[in-house]
Amino acid sequence: MATGKTGATLRMPRATPAMQTLQTAKDEATRHGRSSHWETVWQEGVRPLGKFDAGGPCPALEILLAQDDVPRHPEARALVPGCGRGYDLPVLARHGFHVEGWELSETAAQVARDYINSQEHATPDAPLTGTMSVARMDFFEPTSDQQYDLIYDYTFLCALHPDSHQAWARQMRALLRPGGLLVTVIFPIVDKEGGPPFAMSMELVSGLLQGQNFECQHLAMLPDSSCNKGREGITALGLWRAPDAC
């Protein structure tokens, strides 16, 4: 099992005024993962390949979903909190998942809805066998007690203030069915101060989830070919099995 920081330095595009406000906000909502500044960021426009947009799904997700240890049954449900533009939802739906994307910002949620609608028939050779939907939802206060077979976190944890990290881990356990799979694409693994995105590490994520009795099934840096462009060398993959019901 590989662990540790790479020591890389992350270079980010110049921040807009709204992003700068988001980075420096100290209000309680920000510290608990509910900052209203995200709506301003999305209203200003989040461009593909910018600070908060990878430009496409992480290649590692497609590779992972082809493996046998991913939950498989006709009603399998997946969740992508902080789904952004929604790149990952069609990937999961092509593999049979009934997938929901959540966004705190209504503007972001609408951008994601527009994207997934454009992907309904985009790959005739790989049709969607599952379903997709996007909701404006507070991850920490969902409006139902629905649980999921798989949850996919890519740049959601790093967008949260460190004060909310423990709550993130508790909520992941609450949202996953017993024995469900949490997939964490850990980014950015860098030495930096402040955020978002806040600096991540494999040790950080492992400590948070093992504190909630998740079983680590895989934790390692991703090869460059499995990373989004520009994120090579600073991205890792973790697979975590939720504890079985007592």
C-alpha atoms as a PDB file:
ATOM      1  CA  MET A   1       0.000   0.000   0.000  1.00  0.00           C
ATOM      2  CA  ALA A   2       1.508   3.304  -1.028  1.00  0.00           C
ATOM      3  CA  THR A   3       1.248   6.327   1.220  1.00  0.00           C
ATOM      4  CA  GLY A   4       2.750   9.767   1.571  1.00  0.00           C
ATOM      5  CA  LYS A   5       2.874  13.127  -0.152  1.00  0.00           C
ATOM      6  CA  THR A   6       4.530  13.706  -3.455  1.00  0.00           C
ATOM      7  CA  GLY A   7       5.878  17.105  -2.479  1.00  0.00           C
ATOM      8  CA  ALA A   8       4.519  18.567  -5.701  1.00  0.00           C
ATOM      9  CA  THR A   9       3.533  22.191  -6.026  1.00  0.00           C
ATOM     10  CA  LEU A  10       0.123  22.863  -7.512  1.00  0.00           C
ATOM     11  CA  ARG A  11      -0.213  25.676 -10.029  1.00  0.00           C
ATOM     12  CA  MET A  12      -3.745  26.996 -10.292  1.00  0.00           C
ATOM     13  CA  PRO A  13      -5.334  29.455 -12.724  1.00  0.00           C
ATOM     14  CA  ARG A  14      -5.748  33.016 -11.463  1.00  0.00           C
ATOM     15  CA  ALA A  15      -8.659  33.236  -9.040  1.00  0.00           C
ATOM     16  CA  THR A  16     -11.681  35.403  -9.753  1.00  0.00           C
ATOM     17  CA  PRO A  17     -12.888  37.807  -7.027  1.00  0.00           C
ATOM     18  CA  ALA A  18     -15.576  35.311  -6.018  1.00  0.00           C
ATOM     19  CA  MET A  19     -13.009  32.525  -5.719  1.00  0.00           C
ATOM     20  CA  GLN A  20     -10.783  34.777  -3.603  1.00  0.00           C
ATOM     21  CA  THR A  21     -13.745  35.514  -1.348  1.00  0.00           C
ATOM     22  CA  LEU A  22     -14.445  31.782  -1.094  1.00  0.00           C
ATOM     23  CA  GLN A  23     -10.828  31.094  -0.172  1.00  0.00           C
ATOM     24  CA  THR A  24     -10.757  33.626   2.650  1.00  0.00           C
ATOM     25  CA  ALA A  25     -14.291  33.328   4.046  1.00  0.00           C
ATOM     26  CA  LYS A  26     -14.293  32.457   7.752  1.00  0.00           C
ATOM     27  CA  ASP A  27     -18.028  32.271   8.397  1.00  0.00           C
ATOM     28  CA  GLU A  28     -19.509  29.235  10.085  1.00  0.00           C
ATOM     29  CA  ALA A  29     -21.298  28.098   6.919  1.00  0.00           C
ATOM     30  CA  THR A  30     -17.971  27.871   5.100  1.00  0.00           C
ATOM     31  CA  ARG A  31     -16.419  25.936   7.940  1.00  0.00           C
ATOM     32  CA  HIS A  32     -19.254  23.426   7.817  1.00  0.00           C
ATOM     33  CA  GLY A  33     -19.250  22.893   4.058  1.00  0.00           C
ATOM     34  CA  ARG A  34     -22.228  25.103   3.243  1.00  0.00           C
ATOM     35  CA  SER A  35     -20.676  28.297   1.881  1.00  0.00           C
ATOM     36  CA  SER A  36     -23.045  30.434  -0.198  1.00  0.00           C
ATOM     37  CA  HIS A  37     -20.000  31.659  -2.122  1.00  0.00           C
ATOM     38  CA  TRP A  38     -20.160  28.562  -4.354  1.00  0.00           C
ATOM     39  CA  GLU A  39     -23.263  29.977  -5.997  1.00  0.00           C
ATOM     40  CA  THR A  40     -21.345  33.162  -6.842  1.00  0.00           C
ATOM     41  CA  VAL A  41     -18.455  31.147  -8.257  1.00  0.00           C
ATOM     42  CA  TRP A  42     -20.791  29.229 -10.578  1.00  0.00           C
ATOM     43  CA  GLN A  43     -22.719  32.340 -11.577  1.00  0.00           C
ATOM     44  CA  GLU A  44     -19.430  33.920 -12.651  1.00  0.00           C
ATOM     45  CA  GLY A  45     -18.766  30.840 -14.754  1.00  0.00           C
ATOM     46  CA  VAL A  46     -16.649  27.759 -14.074  1.00  0.00           C
ATOM     47  CA  ARG A  47     -14.758  27.017 -17.258  1.00  0.00           C
ATOM     48  CA  PRO A  48     -13.608  23.530 -18.321  1.00  0.00           C
ATOM     49  CA  LEU A  49     -10.011  22.797 -17.311  1.00  0.00           C
ATOM     50  CA  GLY A  50     -10.147  25.677 -14.845  1.00  0.00           C
ATOM     51  CA  LYS A  51      -9.606  25.620 -11.117  1.00  0.00           C
ATOM     52  CA  PHE A  52     -12.780  23.683 -10.302  1.00  0.00           C
ATOM     53  CA  ASP A  53     -13.295  21.704 -13.528  1.00  0.00           C
ATOM     54  CA  ALA A  54     -11.143  18.782 -14.690  1.00  0.00           C
ATOM     55  CA  GLY A  55     -12.495  18.952 -18.254  1.00  0.00           C
ATOM     56  CA  GLY A  56     -13.859  15.398 -18.200  1.00  0.00           C
ATOM     57  CA  PRO A  57     -14.265  12.288 -16.052  1.00  0.00           C
ATOM     58  CA  CYS A  58     -11.238  10.810 -14.346  1.00  0.00           C
ATOM     59  CA  PRO A  59      -9.939   7.946 -16.552  1.00  0.00           C
ATOM     60  CA  ALA A  60      -9.479   5.845 -13.411  1.00  0.00           C
ATOM     61  CA  LEU A  61     -13.244   5.668 -12.924  1.00  0.00           C
ATOM     62  CA  GLU A  62     -13.859   3.852 -16.207  1.00  0.00           C
ATOM     63  CA  ILE A  63     -11.060   1.395 -15.418  1.00  0.00           C
ATOM     64  CA  LEU A  64     -12.438   0.767 -11.937  1.00  0.00           C
ATOM     65  CA  LEU A  65     -15.999   0.150 -13.098  1.00  0.00           C
ATOM     66  CA  ALA A  66     -14.819  -2.622 -15.415  1.00  0.00           C
ATOM     67  CA  GLN A  67     -13.633  -4.627 -12.403  1.00  0.00           C
ATOM     68  CA  ASP A  68     -15.607  -7.374 -10.717  1.00  0.00           C
ATOM     69  CA  ASP A  69     -15.486  -6.017  -7.149  1.00  0.00           C
ATOM     70  CA  VAL A  70     -17.725  -3.033  -7.928  1.00  0.00           C
ATOM     71  CA  PRO A  71     -21.361  -3.482  -6.748  1.00  0.00           C
ATOM     72  CA  ARG A  72     -23.476  -5.097  -9.478  1.00  0.00           C
ATOM     73  CA  HIS A  73     -27.239  -5.521  -9.377  1.00  0.00           C
ATOM     74  CA  PRO A  74     -30.082  -4.052 -11.446  1.00  0.00           C
ATOM     75  CA  GLU A  75     -31.074  -1.510  -8.798  1.00  0.00           C
ATOM     76  CA  ALA A  76     -27.569  -0.406  -7.779  1.00  0.00           C
ATOM     77  CA  ARG A  77     -27.550   3.254  -6.765  1.00  0.00           C
ATOM     78  CA  ALA A  78     -24.585   5.621  -6.901  1.00  0.00           C
ATOM     79  CA  LEU A  79     -24.035   9.122  -5.545  1.00  0.00           C
ATOM     80  CA  VAL A  80     -21.613  11.821  -6.705  1.00  0.00           C
ATOM     81  CA  PRO A  81     -21.587  14.642  -4.128  1.00  0.00           C
ATOM     82  CA  GLY A  82     -20.225  17.931  -5.419  1.00  0.00           C
ATOM     83  CA  CYS A  83     -20.670  16.601  -8.951  1.00  0.00           C
ATOM     84  CA  GLY A  84     -19.708  19.870 -10.657  1.00  0.00           C
ATOM     85  CA  ARG A  85     -20.458  19.790 -14.364  1.00  0.00           C
ATOM     86  CA  GLY A  86     -21.524  16.149 -14.046  1.00  0.00           C
ATOM     87  CA  TYR A  87     -18.793  14.461 -16.092  1.00  0.00           C
ATOM     88  CA  ASP A  88     -18.841  11.291 -13.998  1.00  0.00           C
ATOM     89  CA  LEU A  89     -22.578  10.644 -14.070  1.00  0.00           C
ATOM     90  CA  PRO A  90     -22.777   9.222 -17.626  1.00  0.00           C
ATOM     91  CA  VAL A  91     -19.786   6.974 -16.892  1.00  0.00           C
ATOM     92  CA  LEU A  92     -21.608   5.432 -13.945  1.00  0.00           C
ATOM     93  CA  ALA A  93     -24.909   5.225 -15.843  1.00  0.00           C
ATOM     94  CA  ARG A  94     -23.223   3.378 -18.715  1.00  0.00           C
ATOM     95  CA  HIS A  95     -22.255   0.740 -16.175  1.00  0.00           C
ATOM     96  CA  GLY A  96     -25.821   0.302 -14.993  1.00  0.00           C
ATOM     97  CA  PHE A  97     -25.928   2.562 -11.956  1.00  0.00           C
ATOM     98  CA  HIS A  98     -28.892   4.740 -11.090  1.00  0.00           C
ATOM     99  CA  VAL A  99     -26.732   7.732 -10.255  1.00  0.00           C
ATOM    100  CA  GLU A 100     -27.515  10.995  -8.504  1.00  0.00           C
ATOM    101  CA  GLY A 101     -25.339  14.093  -8.573  1.00  0.00           C
ATOM    102  CA  TRP A 102     -25.598  16.612  -5.741  1.00  0.00           C
ATOM    103  CA  GLU A 103     -24.580  20.253  -5.810  1.00  0.00           C
ATOM    104  CA  LEU A 104     -24.973  22.958  -3.174  1.00  0.00           C
ATOM    105  CA  SER A 105     -25.239  25.644  -5.872  1.00  0.00           C
ATOM    106  CA  GLU A 106     -28.432  25.730  -7.945  1.00  0.00           C
ATOM    107  CA  THR A 107     -26.476  27.199 -10.871  1.00  0.00           C
ATOM    108  CA  ALA A 108     -24.021  24.300 -10.696  1.00  0.00           C
ATOM    109  CA  ALA A 109     -26.882  21.811 -10.517  1.00  0.00           C
ATOM    110  CA  GLN A 110     -28.448  23.281 -13.661  1.00  0.00           C
ATOM    111  CA  VAL A 111     -25.113  23.201 -15.503  1.00  0.00           C
ATOM    112  CA  ALA A 112     -24.823  19.513 -14.598  1.00  0.00           C
ATOM    113  CA  ARG A 113     -28.398  18.812 -15.732  1.00  0.00           C
ATOM    114  CA  ASP A 114     -27.661  20.425 -19.081  1.00  0.00           C
ATOM    115  CA  TYR A 115     -24.515  18.322 -19.427  1.00  0.00           C
ATOM    116  CA  ILE A 116     -26.108  14.961 -18.629  1.00  0.00           C
ATOM    117  CA  ASN A 117     -29.003  15.737 -20.970  1.00  0.00           C
ATOM    118  CA  SER A 118     -26.461  16.275 -23.745  1.00  0.00           C
ATOM    119  CA  GLN A 119     -24.957  12.853 -23.012  1.00  0.00           C
ATOM    120  CA  GLU A 120     -28.148  10.769 -23.169  1.00  0.00           C
ATOM    121  CA  HIS A 121     -27.369   9.544 -26.699  1.00  0.00           C
ATOM    122  CA  ALA A 122     -23.759  10.671 -27.045  1.00  0.00           C
ATOM    123  CA  THR A 123     -22.278   7.145 -27.109  1.00  0.00           C
ATOM    124  CA  PRO A 124     -24.507   4.815 -29.202  1.00  0.00           C
ATOM    125  CA  ASP A 125     -21.942   2.017 -28.908  1.00  0.00           C
ATOM    126  CA  ALA A 126     -22.077   2.267 -25.101  1.00  0.00           C
ATOM    127  CA  PRO A 127     -25.689   3.121 -24.215  1.00  0.00           C
ATOM    128  CA  LEU A 128     -26.786   4.168 -20.774  1.00  0.00           C
ATOM    129  CA  THR A 129     -28.186   1.177 -18.905  1.00  0.00           C
ATOM    130  CA  GLY A 130     -28.771   3.163 -15.729  1.00  0.00           C
ATOM    131  CA  THR A 131     -30.346   6.537 -15.014  1.00  0.00           C
ATOM    132  CA  MET A 132     -29.005   9.998 -14.145  1.00  0.00           C
ATOM    133  CA  SER A 133     -30.356  12.889 -12.109  1.00  0.00           C
ATOM    134  CA  VAL A 134     -28.986  16.018 -10.451  1.00  0.00           C
ATOM    135  CA  ALA A 135     -30.346  17.761  -7.363  1.00  0.00           C
ATOM    136  CA  ARG A 136     -29.484  20.847  -5.389  1.00  0.00           C
ATOM    137  CA  MET A 137     -28.687  19.160  -2.095  1.00  0.00           C
ATOM    138  CA  ASP A 138     -26.794  19.859   1.101  1.00  0.00           C
ATOM    139  CA  PHE A 139     -24.543  16.821   1.546  1.00  0.00           C
ATOM    140  CA  PHE A 140     -24.706  17.199   5.316  1.00  0.00           C
ATOM    141  CA  GLU A 141     -28.499  17.528   5.462  1.00  0.00           C
ATOM    142  CA  PRO A 142     -30.049  15.380   2.699  1.00  0.00           C
ATOM    143  CA  THR A 143     -33.804  15.438   2.373  1.00  0.00           C
ATOM    144  CA  SER A 144     -34.239  11.653   2.438  1.00  0.00           C
ATOM    145  CA  ASP A 145     -32.711   8.641   4.187  1.00  0.00           C
ATOM    146  CA  GLN A 146     -31.716   7.003   0.883  1.00  0.00           C
ATOM    147  CA  GLN A 147     -28.527   4.927   1.032  1.00  0.00           C
ATOM    148  CA  TYR A 148     -26.216   4.081  -1.853  1.00  0.00           C
ATOM    149  CA  ASP A 149     -24.223   1.101  -3.078  1.00  0.00           C
ATOM    150  CA  LEU A 150     -21.392   3.314  -4.327  1.00  0.00           C
ATOM    151  CA  ILE A 151     -20.326   6.890  -3.595  1.00  0.00           C
ATOM    152  CA  TYR A 152     -17.742   8.636  -5.744  1.00  0.00           C
ATOM    153  CA  ASP A 153     -15.769  11.587  -4.359  1.00  0.00           C
ATOM    154  CA  TYR A 154     -13.529  13.468  -6.772  1.00  0.00           C
ATOM    155  CA  THR A 155     -12.617  16.978  -5.589  1.00  0.00           C
ATOM    156  CA  PHE A 156     -15.507  17.134  -3.124  1.00  0.00           C
ATOM    157  CA  LEU A 157     -13.502  16.607   0.057  1.00  0.00           C
ATOM    158  CA  CYS A 158     -10.800  19.039  -1.079  1.00  0.00           C
ATOM    159  CA  ALA A 159     -13.473  21.721  -1.548  1.00  0.00           C
ATOM    160  CA  LEU A 160     -14.542  21.465   2.099  1.00  0.00           C
ATOM    161  CA  HIS A 161     -12.977  23.469   4.900  1.00  0.00           C
ATOM    162  CA  PRO A 162     -10.818  21.185   7.085  1.00  0.00           C
ATOM    163  CA  ASP A 163     -13.157  21.845  10.020  1.00  0.00           C
ATOM    164  CA  SER A 164     -15.816  19.789   8.201  1.00  0.00           C
ATOM    165  CA  HIS A 165     -13.620  16.777   7.365  1.00  0.00           C
ATOM    166  CA  GLN A 166     -14.765  14.646  10.292  1.00  0.00           C
ATOM    167  CA  ALA A 167     -18.397  15.398   9.436  1.00  0.00           C
ATOM    168  CA  TRP A 168     -17.650  14.360   5.829  1.00  0.00           C
ATOM    169  CA  ALA A 169     -16.436  10.950   7.009  1.00  0.00           C
ATOM    170  CA  ARG A 170     -19.440  10.436   9.299  1.00  0.00           C
ATOM    171  CA  GLN A 171     -21.841  11.380   6.534  1.00  0.00           C
ATOM    172  CA  MET A 172     -20.171   9.047   4.036  1.00  0.00           C
ATOM    173  CA  ARG A 173     -20.791   6.176   6.430  1.00  0.00           C
ATOM    174  CA  ALA A 174     -24.415   7.252   6.921  1.00  0.00           C
ATOM    175  CA  LEU A 175     -25.083   7.500   3.176  1.00  0.00           C
ATOM    176  CA  LEU A 176     -23.516   4.166   2.197  1.00  0.00           C
ATOM    177  CA  ARG A 177     -25.363   0.902   2.577  1.00  0.00           C
ATOM    178  CA  PRO A 178     -23.612  -1.626   4.818  1.00  0.00           C
ATOM    179  CA  GLY A 179     -20.806  -3.109   2.743  1.00  0.00           C
ATOM    180  CA  GLY A 180     -21.100  -0.338   0.136  1.00  0.00           C
ATOM    181  CA  LEU A 181     -18.091   1.048  -1.726  1.00  0.00           C
ATOM    182  CA  LEU A 182     -16.664   4.549  -1.337  1.00  0.00           C
ATOM    183  CA  VAL A 183     -14.360   5.607  -4.178  1.00  0.00           C
ATOM    184  CA  THR A 184     -12.102   8.556  -3.383  1.00  0.00           C
ATOM    185  CA  VAL A 185      -9.992  10.147  -6.081  1.00  0.00           C
ATOM    186  CA  ILE A 186      -7.659  12.069  -3.793  1.00  0.00           C
ATOM    187  CA  PHE A 187      -6.566  15.422  -5.245  1.00  0.00           C
ATOM    188  CA  PRO A 188      -4.555  17.630  -4.941  1.00  0.00           C
ATOM    189  CA  ILE A 189      -1.728  15.829  -3.132  1.00  0.00           C
ATOM    190  CA  VAL A 190       0.484  18.884  -2.780  1.00  0.00           C
ATOM    191  CA  ASP A 191       2.175  21.136  -0.249  1.00  0.00           C
ATOM    192  CA  LYS A 192       0.056  24.278  -0.109  1.00  0.00           C
ATOM    193  CA  GLU A 193      -1.767  26.497   2.346  1.00  0.00           C
ATOM    194  CA  GLY A 194      -5.406  27.472   2.232  1.00  0.00           C
ATOM    195  CA  GLY A 195      -8.041  26.613  -0.297  1.00  0.00           C
ATOM    196  CA  PRO A 196     -10.252  25.505  -1.823  1.00  0.00           C
ATOM    197  CA  PRO A 197      -8.994  23.254  -3.122  1.00  0.00           C
ATOM    198  CA  PHE A 198      -7.370  22.338   0.179  1.00  0.00           C
ATOM    199  CA  ALA A 199      -4.288  20.140   0.140  1.00  0.00           C
ATOM    200  CA  MET A 200      -5.017  16.426   0.433  1.00  0.00           C
ATOM    201  CA  SER A 201      -2.974  13.371   1.331  1.00  0.00           C
ATOM    202  CA  MET A 202      -3.561   9.646   1.455  1.00  0.00           C
ATOM    203  CA  GLU A 203      -2.848   9.679   5.190  1.00  0.00           C
ATOM    204  CA  LEU A 204      -5.511  12.332   5.763  1.00  0.00           C
ATOM    205  CA  VAL A 205      -8.246  10.437   3.930  1.00  0.00           C
ATOM    206  CA  SER A 206      -7.228   7.115   5.470  1.00  0.00           C
ATOM    207  CA  GLY A 207      -7.365   8.537   8.983  1.00  0.00           C
ATOM    208  CA  LEU A 208     -10.785  10.072   8.431  1.00  0.00           C
ATOM    209  CA  LEU A 209     -12.361   6.907   7.034  1.00  0.00           C
ATOM    210  CA  GLN A 210     -10.706   4.338   9.249  1.00  0.00           C
ATOM    211  CA  GLY A 211     -12.004   6.414  12.157  1.00  0.00           C
ATOM    212  CA  GLN A 212     -15.472   5.452  10.860  1.00  0.00           C
ATOM    213  CA  ASN A 213     -14.485   1.770  10.533  1.00  0.00           C
ATOM    214  CA  PHE A 214     -14.189   1.768   6.751  1.00  0.00           C
ATOM    215  CA  GLU A 215     -11.999  -1.036   5.417  1.00  0.00           C
ATOM    216  CA  CYS A 216      -9.270   0.152   3.057  1.00  0.00           C
ATOM    217  CA  GLN A 217      -9.185  -2.097  -0.018  1.00  0.00           C
ATOM    218  CA  HIS A 218      -6.812  -0.027  -2.134  1.00  0.00           C
ATOM    219  CA  LEU A 219      -4.770   3.147  -1.638  1.00  0.00           C
ATOM    220  CA  ALA A 220      -2.084   4.247  -4.093  1.00  0.00           C
ATOM    221  CA  MET A 221      -0.997   7.023  -6.397  1.00  0.00           C
ATOM    222  CA  LEU A 222      -2.582   6.836  -9.841  1.00  0.00           C
ATOM    223  CA  PRO A 223      -0.425   6.297 -12.916  1.00  0.00           C
ATOM    224  CA  ASP A 224      -0.321   9.316 -15.204  1.00  0.00           C
ATOM    225  CA  SER A 225      -2.490   7.562 -17.791  1.00  0.00           C
ATOM    226  CA  SER A 226      -5.312   7.279 -15.237  1.00  0.00           C
ATOM    227  CA  CYS A 227      -5.309  10.986 -14.312  1.00  0.00           C
ATOM    228  CA  ASN A 228      -6.953  13.996 -15.864  1.00  0.00           C
ATOM    229  CA  LYS A 229      -4.613  16.185 -17.879  1.00  0.00           C
ATOM    230  CA  GLY A 230      -2.596  18.468 -15.637  1.00  0.00           C
ATOM    231  CA  ARG A 231      -3.249  16.361 -12.536  1.00  0.00           C
ATOM    232  CA  GLU A 232      -0.567  13.731 -13.122  1.00  0.00           C
ATOM    233  CA  GLY A 233       1.573  12.938 -10.100  1.00  0.00           C
ATOM    234  CA  ILE A 234      -0.757  14.627  -7.603  1.00  0.00           C
ATOM    235  CA  THR A 235      -3.748  12.253  -7.707  1.00  0.00           C
ATOM    236  CA  ALA A 236      -4.349   9.004  -5.800  1.00  0.00           C
ATOM    237  CA  LEU A 237      -7.136   6.429  -5.672  1.00  0.00           C
ATOM    238  CA  GLY A 238      -8.649   4.998  -2.511  1.00  0.00           C
ATOM    239  CA  LEU A 239     -11.302   2.266  -2.292  1.00  0.00           C
ATOM    240  CA  TRP A 240     -13.096   1.863   1.019  1.00  0.00           C
ATOM    241  CA  ARG A 241     -15.670  -0.717   2.080  1.00  0.00           C
ATOM    242  CA  ALA A 242     -18.322   0.493   4.518  1.00  0.00           C
ATOM    243  CA  PRO A 243     -18.742  -1.628   7.639  1.00  0.00           C
ATOM    244  CA  ASP A 244     -21.435  -4.288   7.591  1.00  0.00           C
ATOM    245  CA  ALA A 245     -24.573  -3.771   9.632  1.00  0.00           C
ATOM    246  CA  CYS A 246     -24.264  -4.742  13.269  1.00  0.00           C
END
